[in-house]
Protein backbone atom coordinates (compact mmCIF):
# COMPACT_ATOMS: atom_id res chain seq x y z
CA MET A 1 33.39 -49.70 -12.06
CA SER A 2 35.04 -52.78 -10.55
CA GLU A 3 36.02 -50.82 -7.43
CA TRP A 4 32.54 -49.42 -6.84
CA LYS A 5 30.89 -50.96 -3.78
CA GLU A 6 27.34 -51.44 -2.60
CA TYR A 7 26.26 -49.72 0.61
CA ARG A 8 23.01 -49.30 2.46
CA LEU A 9 22.18 -45.61 2.73
CA GLY A 10 22.43 -45.80 6.53
CA GLU A 11 26.09 -46.84 6.12
CA ILE A 12 27.10 -43.63 4.36
CA ALA A 13 24.88 -41.03 6.04
CA GLU A 14 22.29 -40.49 8.75
CA PRO A 15 20.22 -37.44 9.73
CA ILE A 16 21.74 -35.38 12.55
CA LYS A 17 19.16 -34.09 15.00
CA ASN A 18 20.98 -31.53 17.13
CA THR A 19 18.06 -29.45 18.34
CA TYR A 20 17.92 -25.72 18.86
CA ILE A 21 15.54 -24.02 21.31
CA PRO A 22 14.71 -20.42 20.28
CA ASN A 23 15.60 -17.57 22.61
CA ASN A 24 15.74 -13.80 22.30
CA GLU A 25 19.54 -13.55 22.53
CA ASP A 26 20.76 -15.66 19.58
CA ASP A 27 20.76 -14.38 16.01
CA TYR A 28 21.67 -17.29 13.76
CA SER A 29 20.93 -17.71 10.06
CA TYR A 30 17.71 -19.68 9.64
CA ILE A 31 16.85 -21.85 6.63
CA GLY A 32 13.27 -22.98 6.04
CA LEU A 33 11.94 -24.81 3.00
CA GLU A 34 10.85 -21.43 1.65
CA HIS A 35 14.51 -20.37 1.48
CA ILE A 36 15.52 -23.25 -0.83
CA GLU A 37 14.72 -22.76 -4.51
CA GLN A 38 12.86 -25.68 -6.02
CA GLY A 39 15.02 -27.99 -8.11
CA THR A 40 18.01 -25.67 -8.52
CA LEU A 41 20.22 -26.67 -5.53
CA ARG A 42 20.34 -23.00 -4.52
CA LEU A 43 19.47 -20.94 -1.48
CA ILE A 44 17.33 -17.91 -2.35
CA GLY A 45 17.61 -16.30 1.05
CA THR A 46 17.75 -16.90 4.78
CA GLY A 47 15.83 -15.81 7.84
CA SER A 48 16.90 -15.13 11.42
CA SER A 49 16.59 -17.36 14.47
CA LYS A 50 14.97 -14.34 16.16
CA GLU A 51 11.97 -14.85 13.85
CA ILE A 52 11.23 -18.46 14.90
CA SER A 53 9.28 -19.72 17.92
CA SER A 54 9.53 -23.52 17.76
CA GLN A 55 12.31 -26.10 18.04
CA LYS A 56 14.67 -26.39 15.04
CA PHE A 57 17.78 -28.32 13.98
CA ILE A 58 21.36 -27.03 14.12
CA PHE A 59 23.58 -27.40 11.04
CA GLN A 60 27.28 -26.73 10.48
CA LYS A 61 29.05 -25.22 7.48
CA GLY A 62 29.21 -27.83 4.70
CA ASP A 63 26.37 -30.00 6.02
CA VAL A 64 23.87 -31.24 3.43
CA LEU A 65 20.31 -30.01 3.97
CA PHE A 66 17.59 -32.15 2.37
CA GLY A 67 13.93 -31.11 2.34
CA LYS A 68 11.99 -34.21 3.39
CA LEU A 69 8.55 -32.60 2.84
CA ARG A 70 7.28 -33.15 -0.69
CA VAL A 71 10.61 -34.57 -1.79
CA TYR A 72 9.77 -34.13 -5.49
CA PHE A 73 10.47 -30.40 -5.07
CA ARG A 74 14.17 -31.39 -4.86
CA LYS A 75 15.13 -28.89 -2.17
CA VAL A 76 18.75 -29.80 -1.48
CA VAL A 77 21.54 -27.36 -0.54
CA GLN A 78 24.99 -27.33 1.05
CA PRO A 79 25.36 -23.98 2.90
CA ASN A 80 28.81 -22.42 3.37
CA PHE A 81 27.79 -21.17 6.82
CA SER A 82 26.39 -22.55 10.08
CA GLY A 83 22.89 -21.93 11.41
CA VAL A 84 19.55 -23.52 12.22
CA CYS A 85 16.93 -25.03 9.94
CA SER A 86 13.35 -26.27 9.83
CA THR A 87 12.60 -29.72 11.22
CA ASP A 88 11.17 -30.50 7.78
CA ILE A 89 14.79 -30.52 6.62
CA TRP A 90 17.20 -33.38 7.26
CA VAL A 91 20.77 -32.43 8.18
CA PHE A 92 23.33 -34.91 6.81
CA ARG A 93 27.04 -35.28 7.49
CA ALA A 94 29.01 -37.88 5.56
CA LYS A 95 30.36 -41.00 7.18
CA GLU A 96 33.85 -42.35 6.38
CA ASN A 97 32.79 -44.04 3.14
CA VAL A 98 31.91 -40.83 1.27
CA THR A 99 33.06 -37.24 0.96
CA GLN A 100 30.72 -34.45 2.03
CA THR A 101 30.41 -32.82 -1.41
CA PHE A 102 29.83 -36.16 -3.14
CA LEU A 103 27.06 -36.82 -0.59
CA PHE A 104 25.45 -33.50 -1.55
CA TYR A 105 25.27 -34.46 -5.22
CA PHE A 106 24.18 -38.00 -4.31
CA PHE A 107 21.13 -36.57 -2.55
CA ALA A 108 20.52 -34.15 -5.43
CA ASN A 109 20.47 -36.98 -7.99
CA TRP A 110 16.97 -37.56 -9.36
CA GLU A 111 17.35 -41.31 -8.88
CA PHE A 112 17.60 -40.74 -5.14
CA ILE A 113 14.88 -38.06 -5.18
CA ASN A 114 12.48 -40.46 -6.90
CA THR A 115 13.34 -43.25 -4.46
CA ALA A 116 12.73 -40.96 -1.48
CA ASP A 117 9.50 -39.74 -3.03
CA GLY A 118 8.30 -43.34 -3.41
CA GLY A 119 8.86 -43.97 0.28
CA GLU A 120 6.95 -40.93 1.53
CA GLY A 121 4.32 -41.34 4.20
CA GLY A 122 1.23 -39.20 4.76
CA THR A 123 -1.28 -37.79 2.32
CA ARG A 124 -1.75 -34.01 2.64
CA MET A 125 1.84 -33.31 3.73
CA PRO A 126 3.89 -36.33 2.60
CA ARG A 127 7.36 -36.66 4.13
CA ALA A 128 10.23 -38.97 3.23
CA ASP A 129 10.61 -41.98 5.54
CA TRP A 130 14.15 -42.49 6.87
CA ASN A 131 13.35 -45.98 8.19
CA PHE A 132 12.62 -46.95 4.59
CA LEU A 133 15.48 -45.03 2.99
CA LYS A 134 18.27 -46.16 5.30
CA THR A 135 17.83 -49.75 4.08
CA THR A 136 17.98 -48.90 0.35
CA LYS A 137 21.14 -50.06 -1.44
CA TRP A 138 23.39 -47.90 -3.62
CA ILE A 139 26.56 -48.44 -5.64
CA ILE A 140 29.20 -45.90 -4.55
CA PRO A 141 32.57 -45.19 -6.23
CA PRO A 142 35.87 -45.13 -4.29
CA LEU A 143 36.91 -41.88 -2.58
CA PRO A 144 39.28 -40.61 -5.34
CA GLU A 145 36.56 -40.95 -7.96
CA GLN A 146 34.03 -39.33 -5.62
CA ARG A 147 36.31 -36.30 -5.35
CA THR A 148 36.68 -36.09 -9.13
CA ILE A 149 32.93 -36.36 -9.71
CA ALA A 150 32.26 -33.71 -7.07
CA SER A 151 34.94 -31.46 -8.60
CA ILE A 152 33.33 -31.59 -12.05
CA LEU A 153 29.86 -30.79 -10.71
CA THR A 154 31.16 -28.14 -8.31
CA SER A 155 32.93 -26.31 -11.14
CA LEU A 156 29.60 -25.98 -12.95
CA ASP A 157 27.79 -24.84 -9.80
CA ASP A 158 30.53 -22.30 -9.06
CA LYS A 159 30.02 -20.77 -12.52
CA ILE A 160 26.24 -20.77 -12.04
CA ASP A 161 26.64 -19.06 -8.66
CA LEU A 162 29.02 -16.48 -10.15
CA LEU A 163 26.46 -15.61 -12.84
CA HIS A 164 23.69 -15.29 -10.24
CA ARG A 165 25.85 -12.96 -8.16
CA GLN A 166 26.78 -10.94 -11.23
CA ASN A 167 23.10 -10.55 -12.09
CA ALA A 168 22.32 -9.42 -8.55
CA THR A 169 24.96 -6.71 -8.95
CA LEU A 170 23.66 -5.70 -12.38
CA GLU A 171 20.09 -5.46 -11.07
CA LYS A 172 21.25 -3.16 -8.28
CA MET A 173 23.09 -1.06 -10.87
CA ALA A 174 19.91 -0.82 -12.94
CA GLU A 175 17.88 0.21 -9.87
CA THR A 176 20.45 2.87 -8.96
CA LEU A 177 20.55 4.19 -12.52
CA PHE A 178 16.77 4.45 -12.72
CA ARG A 179 16.52 6.16 -9.36
CA GLN A 180 19.16 8.70 -10.34
CA TRP A 181 17.46 9.62 -13.62
CA PHE A 182 13.78 9.62 -12.62
CA VAL A 183 13.64 10.15 -8.84
CA GLU A 184 16.67 12.08 -7.65
CA GLU A 185 16.87 14.19 -10.82
CA ALA A 186 13.13 14.36 -11.56
CA LYS A 187 12.05 17.57 -13.32
CA GLU A 188 9.39 19.78 -11.75
CA GLN A 189 7.85 20.41 -15.14
CA TRP A 190 7.02 16.73 -15.66
CA GLU A 191 3.27 16.31 -15.56
CA THR A 192 1.60 13.29 -14.01
CA GLY A 193 -0.13 10.60 -16.02
CA THR A 194 -0.71 6.87 -15.58
CA ILE A 195 0.85 3.65 -16.82
CA LEU A 196 -1.92 3.47 -19.44
CA ASP A 197 -0.51 6.64 -21.01
CA PHE A 198 2.65 4.69 -21.83
CA ALA A 199 1.38 1.13 -22.21
CA SER A 200 -1.66 -0.96 -23.06
CA HIS A 201 -3.20 -3.77 -21.04
CA HIS A 202 -2.49 -6.65 -23.42
CA LYS A 203 -4.89 -9.54 -22.78
CA ILE A 204 -5.45 -11.67 -25.87
CA SER A 205 -6.84 -14.94 -24.55
CA ILE A 206 -6.02 -18.40 -25.92
CA GLN A 207 -7.11 -21.99 -25.13
CA PRO A 208 -4.01 -24.19 -25.66
CA GLN A 209 -6.04 -27.40 -25.27
CA LYS A 210 -7.72 -26.65 -28.59
CA ASN A 211 -4.28 -27.11 -30.17
CA PRO A 212 -3.10 -30.29 -28.38
CA SER A 213 -0.11 -30.99 -30.65
CA ILE A 214 1.30 -27.44 -30.63
CA GLU A 215 4.23 -26.77 -28.31
CA TYR A 216 3.93 -23.61 -26.23
CA PHE A 217 6.44 -21.60 -24.22
CA HIS A 218 4.59 -21.22 -20.93
CA TYR A 219 5.46 -18.23 -18.71
CA SER A 220 3.95 -19.38 -15.43
CA ILE A 221 4.40 -18.45 -11.77
CA PRO A 222 6.57 -21.58 -11.16
CA ALA A 223 8.56 -20.73 -14.31
CA PHE A 224 9.33 -17.28 -12.90
CA ASP A 225 10.43 -18.82 -9.61
CA ASN A 226 12.63 -21.30 -11.50
CA ASN A 227 15.17 -18.72 -12.70
CA LYS A 228 12.62 -17.06 -15.00
CA ASN A 229 12.69 -20.05 -17.30
CA PRO A 230 9.51 -20.61 -19.41
CA VAL A 231 8.45 -24.23 -19.71
CA GLN A 232 7.87 -25.89 -23.10
CA GLU A 233 4.58 -27.78 -23.00
CA PHE A 234 2.15 -29.21 -25.52
CA GLY A 235 -1.33 -27.73 -25.61
CA GLU A 236 -2.95 -30.97 -24.47
CA SER A 237 -1.28 -30.67 -21.04
CA ILE A 238 -2.28 -27.04 -20.40
CA GLN A 239 -5.62 -27.03 -18.63
CA SER A 240 -6.83 -23.43 -18.48
CA ASN A 241 -7.02 -20.32 -20.63
CA LYS A 242 -3.84 -18.26 -21.03
CA TYR A 243 -2.73 -14.94 -22.48
CA VAL A 244 -0.68 -14.59 -25.66
CA VAL A 245 2.73 -13.11 -24.79
CA PRO A 246 4.28 -10.58 -27.21
CA PRO A 247 7.97 -9.60 -27.25
CA ASN A 248 9.22 -6.49 -25.41
CA CYS A 249 6.70 -6.44 -22.59
CA ILE A 250 6.45 -6.71 -18.81
CA LEU A 251 4.61 -9.45 -16.91
CA PHE A 252 3.32 -8.25 -13.53
CA SER A 253 1.90 -10.91 -11.20
CA LYS A 254 -1.34 -10.00 -9.47
CA LEU A 255 -1.12 -13.06 -7.17
CA ASN A 256 0.15 -12.36 -3.63
CA PRO A 257 2.26 -9.36 -4.71
CA HIS A 258 2.69 -8.38 -1.05
CA LYS A 259 4.45 -11.72 -0.44
CA ASP A 260 6.29 -12.45 -3.68
CA LYS A 261 7.57 -9.79 -6.08
CA ARG A 262 7.22 -11.09 -9.62
CA VAL A 263 7.85 -8.48 -12.31
CA TRP A 264 9.20 -10.16 -15.45
CA LEU A 265 10.95 -8.11 -18.14
CA LEU A 266 10.78 -9.77 -21.58
CA LEU A 267 12.84 -8.62 -24.55
CA GLU A 268 12.99 -9.86 -28.15
CA GLU A 269 13.75 -13.43 -27.01
CA VAL A 270 10.03 -14.25 -26.77
CA ASN A 271 9.29 -17.20 -29.09
CA ASN A 272 6.23 -17.77 -31.23
CA ASN A 273 3.49 -19.62 -29.33
CA SER A 274 4.47 -17.95 -26.06
CA ILE A 275 1.71 -17.82 -23.46
CA CYS A 276 1.45 -16.82 -19.82
CA SER A 277 -0.67 -17.53 -16.79
CA THR A 278 -3.66 -15.22 -16.36
CA GLU A 279 -2.16 -14.43 -12.95
CA PHE A 280 0.25 -12.27 -14.95
CA GLN A 281 -0.92 -8.94 -16.31
CA ILE A 282 0.85 -7.98 -19.54
CA VAL A 283 2.13 -4.40 -19.72
CA LEU A 284 2.84 -3.72 -23.41
CA PRO A 285 4.63 -0.39 -24.08
CA LYS A 286 2.99 1.78 -26.73
CA LYS A 287 6.49 2.60 -27.95
CA LYS A 288 9.41 0.21 -27.62
CA ARG A 289 11.61 2.90 -26.06
CA PHE A 290 9.29 3.04 -23.02
CA LEU A 291 10.10 -0.56 -22.01
CA TYR A 292 13.03 -0.03 -19.61
CA PHE A 293 11.48 3.10 -18.13
CA LEU A 294 8.20 1.29 -17.38
CA TYR A 295 10.02 -1.69 -15.91
CA GLY A 296 12.06 0.56 -13.66
CA TRP A 297 8.98 2.51 -12.56
CA LEU A 298 6.86 -0.57 -11.79
CA SER A 299 9.64 -2.53 -10.08
CA SER A 300 11.09 0.26 -7.94
CA LYS A 301 10.61 -0.58 -4.27
CA GLU A 302 8.38 2.37 -3.33
CA ASN A 303 6.09 2.09 -6.37
CA TYR A 304 5.85 -1.69 -6.24
CA ASN A 305 4.94 -1.68 -2.54
CA GLU A 306 2.23 0.89 -3.15
CA ILE A 307 0.73 -1.19 -5.96
CA ALA A 308 0.97 -4.40 -3.89
CA SER A 309 -0.74 -2.77 -0.91
CA GLY A 310 -4.08 -3.04 -2.74
CA VAL A 311 -4.39 -6.81 -2.31
CA GLY A 312 -7.75 -8.30 -1.47
CA GLY A 313 -9.57 -11.61 -1.34
CA THR A 314 -11.09 -14.04 1.11
CA SER A 315 -8.27 -16.58 1.03
CA GLY A 316 -5.21 -15.67 3.06
CA SER A 317 -2.92 -17.74 0.83
CA HIS A 318 -4.30 -16.45 -2.50
CA GLN A 319 -4.76 -12.70 -2.50
CA ARG A 320 -4.70 -10.56 -5.60
CA ILE A 321 -4.61 -6.99 -6.77
CA ASP A 322 -7.04 -5.60 -9.30
CA PRO A 323 -5.33 -4.93 -12.67
CA SER A 324 -6.35 -1.28 -12.34
CA SER A 325 -3.85 -1.01 -9.47
CA ILE A 326 -1.15 -1.48 -12.08
CA PHE A 327 -2.49 0.37 -15.10
CA ASP A 328 -4.00 3.34 -13.25
CA PHE A 329 -0.85 3.82 -11.20
CA GLN A 330 0.57 7.32 -11.55
CA CYS A 331 3.56 7.81 -13.81
CA PRO A 332 5.34 11.02 -14.89
CA TYR A 333 5.35 12.27 -18.47
CA VAL A 334 9.07 12.12 -19.18
CA ASP A 335 10.61 13.81 -22.23
CA ASP A 336 11.38 11.37 -25.04
CA ASP A 337 14.97 12.57 -25.34
CA ILE A 338 15.59 11.81 -21.65
CA ILE A 339 14.17 8.31 -22.04
CA GLU A 340 16.37 7.76 -25.11
CA ARG A 341 19.49 8.84 -23.20
CA TYR A 342 18.51 6.65 -20.24
CA ASN A 343 18.07 3.68 -22.59
CA TYR A 344 21.62 4.17 -23.86
CA PHE A 345 22.92 3.29 -20.38
CA ALA A 346 20.17 0.86 -19.28
CA LYS A 347 20.00 -1.35 -22.37
CA PRO A 348 23.47 -2.97 -22.01
CA ILE A 349 22.76 -3.80 -18.35
CA PHE A 350 19.47 -5.58 -19.07
CA ARG A 351 20.91 -7.39 -22.08
CA LYS A 352 23.80 -8.67 -19.97
CA ILE A 353 21.32 -9.90 -17.35
CA LYS A 354 19.42 -11.79 -20.06
CA SER A 355 22.65 -13.26 -21.44
CA ASN A 356 23.63 -14.46 -17.98
CA GLN A 357 20.20 -16.01 -17.43
CA SER A 358 20.61 -17.93 -20.67
CA GLN A 359 24.03 -19.20 -19.56
CA ILE A 360 22.61 -20.19 -16.18
CA ARG A 361 19.90 -22.27 -17.88
CA THR A 362 22.47 -23.95 -20.15
CA LEU A 363 24.89 -24.75 -17.33
CA THR A 364 22.10 -25.96 -15.05
CA GLN A 365 20.84 -28.29 -17.76
CA LEU A 366 24.38 -29.55 -18.36
CA ARG A 367 24.91 -30.22 -14.65
CA ASP A 368 21.59 -32.02 -14.31
CA THR A 369 22.37 -34.11 -17.40
CA LEU A 370 25.83 -35.06 -16.16
CA LEU A 371 24.81 -35.71 -12.54
CA PRO A 372 22.98 -39.04 -12.98
CA LYS A 373 25.48 -40.25 -15.59
CA LEU A 374 28.42 -39.60 -13.26
CA MET A 375 26.64 -41.11 -10.27
CA SER A 376 25.78 -44.29 -12.17
CA GLY A 377 29.19 -44.69 -13.81
CA GLU A 378 27.72 -44.24 -17.30
CA VAL A 379 30.20 -41.39 -17.74
CA VAL A 380 33.60 -42.45 -16.41
CA VAL A 381 36.17 -39.93 -15.13
CA ASN A 382 39.88 -40.43 -14.56
């Protein structure tokens, strides 16, 4: 590390504030904080400049976007396209002392995130303070080592991105397969029942705080949003009642279903001491072979939208559906032999999706373990 040098942050980067004024003619990709997945360094979508009405910032392909609002959410991305973004996002372009990709991982490092979080101003909506951050000092490796560090981390992120894209393709395949079997080729003789004819409303309640030293696998709303990754927590840290989660079931979120689609298919991988938020309703098939059929029926666009249309509540930000909207929803009585044949084709698709999700979690953990070690020089690369 003898060639590593100390720089003030303002010497290696500074926010670029090229402003964009909305008009009805432009149609640029728009990135708001809602389009950046928390903690994962991934975009989960984009909007359009036609949808915005206030001033934004312009970014170029390869710029680093850093969410300065509630920094601890770690919303950092490096888009491979140009567009406009929220003014709650800093746009960074590297100066001559650092490479652009190294700068991206520098900002994604938890040491920097925690420093930025400590310098936030405001109470209800805390934002990072650039006047504070630009004076902070950091040890930076020479350019060749920066490129090597960035190459190692990029190779992991490329594999993670490939698995995400593969899963997106597999999910579309599963949707197409289900639609072909049970919508396009539906039989006139199929009678109409409800979800409760195929599944039970599983709601065994548990109070984790009564078992403070037991470790639980917590299927929460944030866990779903974080690549469907349940969090391991001890009972003492879990405040409210939860539901016991069995294997081979479906979790259907009743919270804001018209805004966020959260339908979680669980297979045999469910561990002992698995619990879920009471915002999730557990659909437990009466027969295991109904699992993929029920998931396809509940998650299909038309059916899901109809279920979600029943939201109610006084709070605009927290609206819910009644569980009966799920369990009383109409569902055809499909012949068992048809479901068995459908499972023959559907099962490998869903198992591959689960395998990819497991690899994504492993690679993400590896990247996040290596990142601070590489940035500090604890792990040295040639």
